[in-house]
N, C-alpha and C. Protein backbone atom coordinates (compact mmCIF):
# COMPACT_ATOMS: atom_id res chain seq x y z
N MET A 1 -31.16 -147.93 -16.23
CA MET A 1 -31.76 -147.08 -17.24
C MET A 1 -31.26 -147.53 -18.61
N VAL A 2 -32.14 -147.54 -19.56
CA VAL A 2 -31.81 -147.91 -20.93
C VAL A 2 -32.14 -146.73 -21.84
N ASN A 3 -31.18 -146.37 -22.67
CA ASN A 3 -31.41 -145.32 -23.67
C ASN A 3 -32.15 -145.91 -24.87
N THR A 4 -33.12 -145.19 -25.37
CA THR A 4 -33.89 -145.65 -26.52
C THR A 4 -34.55 -144.48 -27.21
N ASN A 5 -34.82 -144.65 -28.48
CA ASN A 5 -35.62 -143.69 -29.23
C ASN A 5 -37.08 -144.14 -29.30
N LYS A 6 -37.39 -145.29 -28.67
CA LYS A 6 -38.72 -145.89 -28.78
C LYS A 6 -39.33 -146.15 -27.41
N ILE A 7 -39.41 -145.12 -26.60
CA ILE A 7 -39.92 -145.28 -25.23
C ILE A 7 -41.32 -145.90 -25.22
N ALA A 8 -42.23 -145.42 -26.04
CA ALA A 8 -43.61 -145.91 -26.02
C ALA A 8 -43.67 -147.40 -26.35
N GLU A 9 -42.91 -147.84 -27.34
CA GLU A 9 -42.93 -149.26 -27.71
C GLU A 9 -42.36 -150.14 -26.60
N ILE A 10 -41.24 -149.70 -26.01
CA ILE A 10 -40.63 -150.48 -24.93
C ILE A 10 -41.53 -150.47 -23.70
N ARG A 11 -42.12 -149.32 -23.39
CA ARG A 11 -43.05 -149.22 -22.26
C ARG A 11 -44.18 -150.22 -22.42
N ASP A 12 -44.81 -150.24 -23.58
CA ASP A 12 -45.94 -151.13 -23.81
C ASP A 12 -45.53 -152.59 -23.70
N CYS A 13 -44.36 -152.93 -24.18
CA CYS A 13 -43.86 -154.30 -24.12
C CYS A 13 -43.64 -154.73 -22.67
N TYR A 14 -42.91 -153.92 -21.90
CA TYR A 14 -42.65 -154.27 -20.51
C TYR A 14 -43.93 -154.28 -19.68
N CYS A 15 -44.85 -153.39 -19.95
CA CYS A 15 -46.13 -153.41 -19.23
C CYS A 15 -46.86 -154.73 -19.48
N ALA A 16 -46.83 -155.20 -20.72
CA ALA A 16 -47.50 -156.46 -21.06
C ALA A 16 -46.76 -157.67 -20.50
N VAL A 17 -45.45 -157.74 -20.69
CA VAL A 17 -44.67 -158.92 -20.30
C VAL A 17 -44.55 -159.04 -18.79
N LEU A 18 -44.27 -157.94 -18.10
CA LEU A 18 -44.05 -157.97 -16.66
C LEU A 18 -45.27 -157.55 -15.83
N ASN A 19 -46.35 -157.22 -16.53
CA ASN A 19 -47.52 -156.68 -15.85
C ASN A 19 -47.13 -155.46 -15.02
N ALA A 20 -46.25 -154.65 -15.61
CA ALA A 20 -45.73 -153.46 -14.93
C ALA A 20 -46.67 -152.29 -15.12
N GLU A 21 -46.49 -151.29 -14.26
CA GLU A 21 -47.25 -150.06 -14.39
C GLU A 21 -46.30 -148.87 -14.41
N VAL A 22 -46.65 -147.87 -15.15
CA VAL A 22 -45.85 -146.66 -15.26
C VAL A 22 -46.08 -145.83 -13.99
N VAL A 23 -44.96 -145.41 -13.36
CA VAL A 23 -45.06 -144.56 -12.18
C VAL A 23 -44.69 -143.11 -12.48
N PHE A 24 -43.98 -142.88 -13.58
CA PHE A 24 -43.68 -141.53 -14.05
C PHE A 24 -43.32 -141.62 -15.52
N GLU A 25 -43.80 -140.64 -16.29
CA GLU A 25 -43.46 -140.60 -17.71
C GLU A 25 -43.59 -139.17 -18.22
N ASN A 26 -42.64 -138.79 -19.05
CA ASN A 26 -42.75 -137.55 -19.81
C ASN A 26 -42.18 -137.82 -21.20
N HIS A 27 -41.92 -136.81 -21.99
CA HIS A 27 -41.48 -137.03 -23.37
C HIS A 27 -40.06 -137.59 -23.46
N MET A 28 -39.29 -137.56 -22.36
CA MET A 28 -37.91 -138.05 -22.38
C MET A 28 -37.67 -139.29 -21.53
N MET A 29 -38.55 -139.57 -20.56
CA MET A 29 -38.29 -140.67 -19.62
C MET A 29 -39.56 -141.43 -19.28
N CYS A 30 -39.34 -142.68 -18.90
CA CYS A 30 -40.44 -143.51 -18.40
C CYS A 30 -39.89 -144.41 -17.30
N PHE A 31 -40.52 -144.35 -16.12
CA PHE A 31 -40.16 -145.21 -15.01
C PHE A 31 -41.34 -146.12 -14.73
N MET A 32 -41.07 -147.40 -14.51
CA MET A 32 -42.15 -148.35 -14.24
C MET A 32 -41.75 -149.34 -13.16
N THR A 33 -42.75 -149.96 -12.57
CA THR A 33 -42.51 -150.96 -11.54
C THR A 33 -43.52 -152.09 -11.69
N TYR A 34 -43.22 -153.20 -11.05
CA TYR A 34 -44.14 -154.34 -11.02
C TYR A 34 -44.30 -154.86 -9.60
N ASP A 35 -43.85 -154.06 -8.62
CA ASP A 35 -44.04 -154.42 -7.22
C ASP A 35 -44.10 -153.13 -6.39
N ASP A 36 -43.74 -153.18 -5.13
CA ASP A 36 -43.84 -152.01 -4.26
C ASP A 36 -42.66 -151.05 -4.37
N ASP A 37 -41.64 -151.40 -5.14
CA ASP A 37 -40.48 -150.52 -5.28
C ASP A 37 -40.84 -149.31 -6.13
N HIS A 38 -40.15 -148.20 -5.91
CA HIS A 38 -40.49 -146.96 -6.63
C HIS A 38 -40.29 -147.09 -8.14
N HIS A 39 -39.32 -147.88 -8.58
CA HIS A 39 -39.23 -148.22 -10.00
C HIS A 39 -38.31 -149.43 -10.17
N ARG A 40 -38.57 -150.20 -11.20
CA ARG A 40 -37.75 -151.37 -11.53
C ARG A 40 -37.10 -151.23 -12.90
N ARG A 41 -37.73 -150.52 -13.78
CA ARG A 41 -37.20 -150.29 -15.13
C ARG A 41 -37.33 -148.81 -15.44
N ALA A 42 -36.35 -148.30 -16.18
CA ALA A 42 -36.40 -146.91 -16.60
C ALA A 42 -35.84 -146.81 -18.02
N PHE A 43 -36.47 -145.98 -18.82
CA PHE A 43 -36.06 -145.77 -20.20
C PHE A 43 -35.95 -144.27 -20.44
N MET A 44 -34.97 -143.88 -21.25
CA MET A 44 -34.76 -142.47 -21.49
C MET A 44 -34.35 -142.23 -22.93
N THR A 45 -34.86 -141.16 -23.51
CA THR A 45 -34.37 -140.67 -24.78
C THR A 45 -33.56 -139.41 -24.46
N PRO A 46 -32.24 -139.48 -24.60
CA PRO A 46 -31.42 -138.32 -24.26
C PRO A 46 -31.62 -137.19 -25.27
N PRO A 47 -31.28 -135.96 -24.89
CA PRO A 47 -31.39 -134.86 -25.84
C PRO A 47 -30.66 -135.19 -27.13
N GLY A 48 -31.31 -135.00 -28.25
CA GLY A 48 -30.72 -135.35 -29.54
C GLY A 48 -30.97 -136.79 -29.95
N GLY A 49 -31.58 -137.58 -29.06
CA GLY A 49 -31.88 -138.97 -29.38
C GLY A 49 -30.70 -139.90 -29.19
N VAL A 50 -30.96 -141.16 -29.38
CA VAL A 50 -29.93 -142.18 -29.28
C VAL A 50 -29.28 -142.33 -30.64
N THR A 51 -27.96 -142.28 -30.66
CA THR A 51 -27.24 -142.45 -31.91
C THR A 51 -26.66 -143.86 -31.98
N GLU A 52 -26.37 -144.30 -33.17
CA GLU A 52 -25.81 -145.64 -33.36
C GLU A 52 -24.48 -145.74 -32.63
N LYS A 53 -24.28 -146.86 -31.96
CA LYS A 53 -23.06 -147.09 -31.17
C LYS A 53 -22.14 -148.07 -31.90
N PRO A 54 -20.85 -147.99 -31.61
CA PRO A 54 -19.92 -148.99 -32.16
C PRO A 54 -20.35 -150.39 -31.71
N ILE A 55 -20.02 -151.38 -32.50
CA ILE A 55 -20.45 -152.77 -32.23
C ILE A 55 -20.03 -153.24 -30.84
N ASN A 56 -18.86 -152.90 -30.37
CA ASN A 56 -18.36 -153.40 -29.09
C ASN A 56 -18.76 -152.54 -27.90
N SER A 57 -19.67 -151.61 -28.06
CA SER A 57 -20.05 -150.75 -26.95
C SER A 57 -21.24 -151.33 -26.18
N ALA A 58 -21.41 -150.86 -24.96
CA ALA A 58 -22.52 -151.30 -24.11
C ALA A 58 -23.60 -150.24 -24.09
N GLY A 59 -24.83 -150.64 -23.80
CA GLY A 59 -25.92 -149.68 -23.79
C GLY A 59 -26.61 -149.54 -22.45
N LEU A 60 -26.38 -150.44 -21.52
CA LEU A 60 -27.02 -150.38 -20.22
C LEU A 60 -26.32 -149.34 -19.36
N MET A 61 -27.10 -148.38 -18.83
CA MET A 61 -26.51 -147.31 -18.03
C MET A 61 -26.56 -147.61 -16.53
N HIS A 62 -27.58 -148.32 -16.08
CA HIS A 62 -27.75 -148.55 -14.65
C HIS A 62 -28.64 -149.76 -14.43
N THR A 63 -28.30 -150.55 -13.43
CA THR A 63 -29.17 -151.61 -12.98
C THR A 63 -29.01 -151.75 -11.47
N ALA A 64 -29.99 -152.27 -10.80
CA ALA A 64 -29.92 -152.41 -9.35
C ALA A 64 -30.51 -153.74 -8.93
N PHE A 65 -29.98 -154.27 -7.84
CA PHE A 65 -30.47 -155.52 -7.28
C PHE A 65 -30.83 -155.27 -5.83
N ILE A 66 -31.90 -155.86 -5.39
CA ILE A 66 -32.38 -155.63 -4.03
C ILE A 66 -32.35 -156.95 -3.26
N PHE A 67 -31.81 -156.89 -2.05
CA PHE A 67 -31.81 -158.02 -1.13
C PHE A 67 -32.67 -157.63 0.07
N PRO A 68 -33.32 -158.61 0.68
CA PRO A 68 -34.23 -158.29 1.80
C PRO A 68 -33.52 -157.60 2.97
N ASP A 69 -32.24 -157.96 3.20
CA ASP A 69 -31.50 -157.37 4.31
C ASP A 69 -30.01 -157.59 4.08
N LEU A 70 -29.20 -157.01 4.93
CA LEU A 70 -27.75 -157.10 4.79
C LEU A 70 -27.26 -158.54 4.92
N ARG A 71 -27.88 -159.33 5.78
CA ARG A 71 -27.48 -160.72 5.97
C ARG A 71 -27.60 -161.50 4.66
N ASN A 72 -28.69 -161.31 3.94
CA ASN A 72 -28.89 -161.99 2.65
C ASN A 72 -27.84 -161.56 1.64
N LEU A 73 -27.51 -160.28 1.61
CA LEU A 73 -26.48 -159.80 0.70
C LEU A 73 -25.13 -160.43 1.04
N LEU A 74 -24.76 -160.47 2.32
CA LEU A 74 -23.48 -161.06 2.73
C LEU A 74 -23.45 -162.56 2.45
N ASP A 75 -24.55 -163.25 2.68
CA ASP A 75 -24.62 -164.68 2.36
C ASP A 75 -24.41 -164.91 0.87
N HIS A 76 -25.01 -164.06 0.06
CA HIS A 76 -24.85 -164.19 -1.39
C HIS A 76 -23.40 -163.95 -1.80
N TYR A 77 -22.77 -162.95 -1.19
CA TYR A 77 -21.35 -162.69 -1.46
C TYR A 77 -20.51 -163.91 -1.10
N THR A 78 -20.81 -164.56 0.02
CA THR A 78 -20.07 -165.74 0.46
C THR A 78 -20.16 -166.86 -0.59
N CYS A 79 -21.30 -167.00 -1.23
CA CYS A 79 -21.47 -168.01 -2.28
C CYS A 79 -20.71 -167.65 -3.56
N LEU A 80 -20.62 -166.37 -3.86
CA LEU A 80 -19.96 -165.93 -5.09
C LEU A 80 -18.45 -165.88 -4.98
N LYS A 81 -17.92 -165.63 -3.80
CA LYS A 81 -16.49 -165.46 -3.60
C LYS A 81 -15.67 -166.65 -4.12
N PRO A 82 -16.06 -167.91 -3.83
CA PRO A 82 -15.28 -169.06 -4.35
C PRO A 82 -15.28 -169.14 -5.89
N LEU A 83 -16.24 -168.48 -6.52
CA LEU A 83 -16.30 -168.47 -7.98
C LEU A 83 -15.44 -167.37 -8.59
N GLY A 84 -14.79 -166.59 -7.71
CA GLY A 84 -13.95 -165.49 -8.18
C GLY A 84 -14.72 -164.24 -8.50
N ILE A 85 -15.97 -164.16 -8.04
CA ILE A 85 -16.80 -162.98 -8.29
C ILE A 85 -16.79 -162.13 -7.03
N ALA A 86 -16.28 -160.90 -7.17
CA ALA A 86 -16.18 -160.00 -6.03
C ALA A 86 -16.77 -158.63 -6.41
N PRO A 87 -17.24 -157.90 -5.39
CA PRO A 87 -17.78 -156.57 -5.70
C PRO A 87 -16.68 -155.62 -6.16
């Protein structure tokens, strides 16, 4: 989920770039997908709007990755482990 004060602009951009479709939208949130998953991108304007953040702060609230099955996830972990990347 990404916080924004410009849901409509971001929605239109992602719909165009990813050929995504909106699966739910109201005045505070927009969920969209570009495949069979229930949603791939989500945008939200929190109550009071988004305020300016300090330069060193992060803005991404949530992201998710999907693997076809547990075997693929474990195989991917096996490739990342030698690089020092662990869950």
